[in-house]
Amino acid sequence: MTAVAALFVLAAWRSGKPAEPGRVRLIPWTLIMVFAGGVFMLLLAHLFGHFGIETGRGFMRP
């Protein structure tokens, strides 16, 4: 979870920098930031599940 959070912060920092004229960005930092945020949310829900906190609506349970 810490590594994904660090990746999110790095990608947010890199995507916020202004583009240099004449250079092409080879790494899509904004897309990496979005995916890292999504993975972080999934890991957070998984962590809540370990503590017994339900994060879903529970359609499957009778």
Protein backbone atom coordinates (compact mmCIF):
# COMPACT_ATOMS: atom_id res chain seq x y z
CA MET A 1 0.00 0.00 0.00
CA THR A 2 2.90 2.31 0.78
CA ALA A 3 4.53 1.59 -2.58
CA VAL A 4 1.30 2.36 -4.47
CA ALA A 5 0.86 5.59 -2.49
CA ALA A 6 4.45 6.57 -3.30
CA LEU A 7 3.86 5.81 -6.98
CA PHE A 8 0.73 7.98 -6.89
CA VAL A 9 2.63 10.89 -5.33
CA LEU A 10 5.49 10.54 -7.84
CA ALA A 11 3.09 10.42 -10.79
CA ALA A 12 1.14 13.41 -9.48
CA TRP A 13 4.36 15.39 -9.10
CA ARG A 14 5.64 14.42 -12.55
CA SER A 15 2.31 15.09 -14.30
CA GLY A 16 2.10 18.52 -12.67
CA LYS A 17 5.41 19.68 -14.09
CA PRO A 18 5.12 21.85 -17.21
CA ALA A 19 6.02 20.21 -20.50
CA GLU A 20 9.40 21.06 -21.97
CA PRO A 21 9.16 22.43 -25.51
CA GLY A 22 10.55 20.04 -28.10
CA ARG A 23 10.46 16.98 -25.86
CA VAL A 24 7.90 14.21 -25.94
CA ARG A 25 6.73 12.64 -22.68
CA LEU A 26 7.26 8.92 -23.07
CA ILE A 27 5.57 7.99 -19.79
CA PRO A 28 1.87 8.91 -19.35
CA TRP A 29 2.12 10.11 -15.74
CA THR A 30 -1.54 11.12 -15.48
CA LEU A 31 -2.70 7.65 -16.50
CA ILE A 32 -0.27 6.05 -14.03
CA MET A 33 -1.63 8.34 -11.32
CA VAL A 34 -5.23 7.29 -12.05
CA PHE A 35 -4.37 3.57 -12.00
CA ALA A 36 -2.32 3.93 -8.81
CA GLY A 37 -5.26 5.70 -7.16
CA GLY A 38 -7.59 2.88 -8.19
CA VAL A 39 -5.25 0.19 -6.91
CA PHE A 40 -4.87 2.11 -3.65
CA MET A 41 -8.65 2.18 -3.19
CA LEU A 42 -8.86 -1.58 -3.83
CA LEU A 43 -6.10 -2.23 -1.31
CA LEU A 44 -7.84 0.01 1.21
CA ALA A 45 -11.10 -1.94 0.81
CA HIS A 46 -9.14 -5.17 1.23
CA LEU A 47 -7.56 -3.81 4.43
CA PHE A 48 -10.99 -2.85 5.76
CA GLY A 49 -12.16 -6.39 5.05
CA HIS A 50 -9.43 -7.76 7.30
CA PHE A 51 -10.87 -5.69 10.16
CA GLY A 52 -14.41 -6.91 9.50
CA ILE A 53 -15.71 -3.72 7.92
CA GLU A 54 -17.97 -4.44 4.93
CA THR A 55 -17.37 -2.12 2.00
CA GLY A 56 -19.85 -3.57 -0.52
CA ARG A 57 -23.62 -3.57 -0.68
CA GLY A 58 -23.84 -7.30 -0.01
CA PHE A 59 -26.07 -8.39 -2.90
CA MET A 60 -24.77 -11.95 -2.70
CA ARG A 61 -25.59 -12.47 0.97
CA PRO A 62 -29.06 -13.68 2.01
